[in-house]
């Protein structure tokens, strides 16, 4: 799955990490999943798009291998 793609961890502010894959060439396309999926839901679509676009598919924060927010007081986060 995602054989022609490169796994990537995007480092954001405050130590937040977003995990995903990137591949292809051309104008960028960002693929975001819904609940309760991860970036893997794009495994059939992304290779097709990569023939014309630079495809970035990530796990939203709190999903898959992306970092999760702290639970906080009373687990409100």
Protein backbone atom coordinates (compact mmCIF):
# COMPACT_ATOMS: atom_id res chain seq x y z
CA UNK A 1 0.00 0.00 0.00
CA UNK A 2 1.35 3.47 -0.96
CA UNK A 3 4.39 1.78 -2.58
CA UNK A 4 5.37 4.84 -4.64
CA UNK A 5 4.82 7.19 -1.69
CA UNK A 6 7.19 8.33 1.02
CA UNK A 7 6.10 8.13 4.66
CA UNK A 8 6.50 11.49 6.38
CA UNK A 9 6.13 12.94 9.86
CA UNK A 10 5.35 16.65 9.75
CA UNK A 11 6.65 18.49 12.83
CA UNK A 12 4.36 21.34 13.90
CA UNK A 13 4.43 23.86 16.76
CA UNK A 14 4.42 22.67 20.38
CA UNK A 15 5.73 19.21 19.49
CA UNK A 16 2.67 18.21 17.47
CA UNK A 17 3.41 15.52 14.87
CA UNK A 18 1.20 14.77 11.87
CA UNK A 19 1.88 11.46 10.13
CA UNK A 20 1.17 10.82 6.47
CA UNK A 21 2.48 9.99 3.03
CA UNK A 22 3.53 12.12 0.07
CA UNK A 23 4.04 11.15 -3.56
CA UNK A 24 3.62 12.12 -7.19
CA UNK A 25 4.43 15.39 -8.90
CA UNK A 26 2.53 18.43 -10.04
CA UNK A 27 0.15 20.79 -8.24
CA UNK A 28 -0.46 19.77 -4.61
CA UNK A 29 -3.57 17.90 -3.45
CA UNK A 30 -4.24 17.34 0.26
CA UNK A 31 -6.39 14.31 1.09
CA UNK A 32 -8.08 14.39 4.51
CA UNK A 33 -10.03 11.48 5.93
CA UNK A 34 -13.29 11.48 7.85
CA UNK A 35 -14.36 9.80 11.08
CA UNK A 36 -13.24 7.14 11.98
CA UNK A 37 -10.77 6.51 9.11
CA UNK A 38 -7.06 7.30 8.73
CA UNK A 39 -5.06 8.31 5.65
CA UNK A 40 -5.14 4.65 4.58
CA UNK A 41 -8.71 5.13 3.28
CA UNK A 42 -7.09 6.88 0.27
CA UNK A 43 -4.89 3.92 -0.73
CA UNK A 44 -6.77 3.29 -4.01
CA UNK A 45 -7.37 6.92 -5.00
CA UNK A 46 -3.95 8.40 -4.13
CA UNK A 47 -1.88 6.46 -6.71
CA UNK A 48 -4.24 7.53 -9.49
CA UNK A 49 -4.03 11.18 -8.45
CA UNK A 50 -0.23 10.96 -8.10
CA UNK A 51 0.13 10.61 -11.86
CA UNK A 52 -0.93 14.28 -12.19
CA UNK A 53 -0.54 15.81 -8.72
CA UNK A 54 1.70 15.87 -5.67
CA UNK A 55 -0.51 13.99 -3.23
CA UNK A 56 -0.31 14.47 0.54
CA UNK A 57 -2.50 12.19 2.67
CA UNK A 58 -2.27 12.64 6.43
CA UNK A 59 -3.81 11.35 9.64
CA UNK A 60 -5.69 14.15 11.36
CA UNK A 61 -4.52 15.02 14.88
CA UNK A 62 -5.66 12.33 17.28
CA UNK A 63 -6.04 9.69 14.54
CA UNK A 64 -3.68 6.95 13.37
CA UNK A 65 -0.02 7.72 14.03
CA UNK A 66 -0.49 11.49 14.45
CA UNK A 67 -0.02 12.92 17.93
CA UNK A 68 -2.99 13.18 20.22
CA UNK A 69 -3.89 16.15 22.42
CA UNK A 70 -3.44 15.81 26.18
CA UNK A 71 -6.58 14.73 27.98
CA UNK A 72 -6.52 17.81 30.21
CA UNK A 73 -8.66 18.44 33.25
CA UNK A 74 -11.68 16.12 33.25
CA UNK A 75 -10.54 14.83 29.83
CA UNK A 76 -12.20 17.79 28.09
CA UNK A 77 -9.75 17.76 25.16
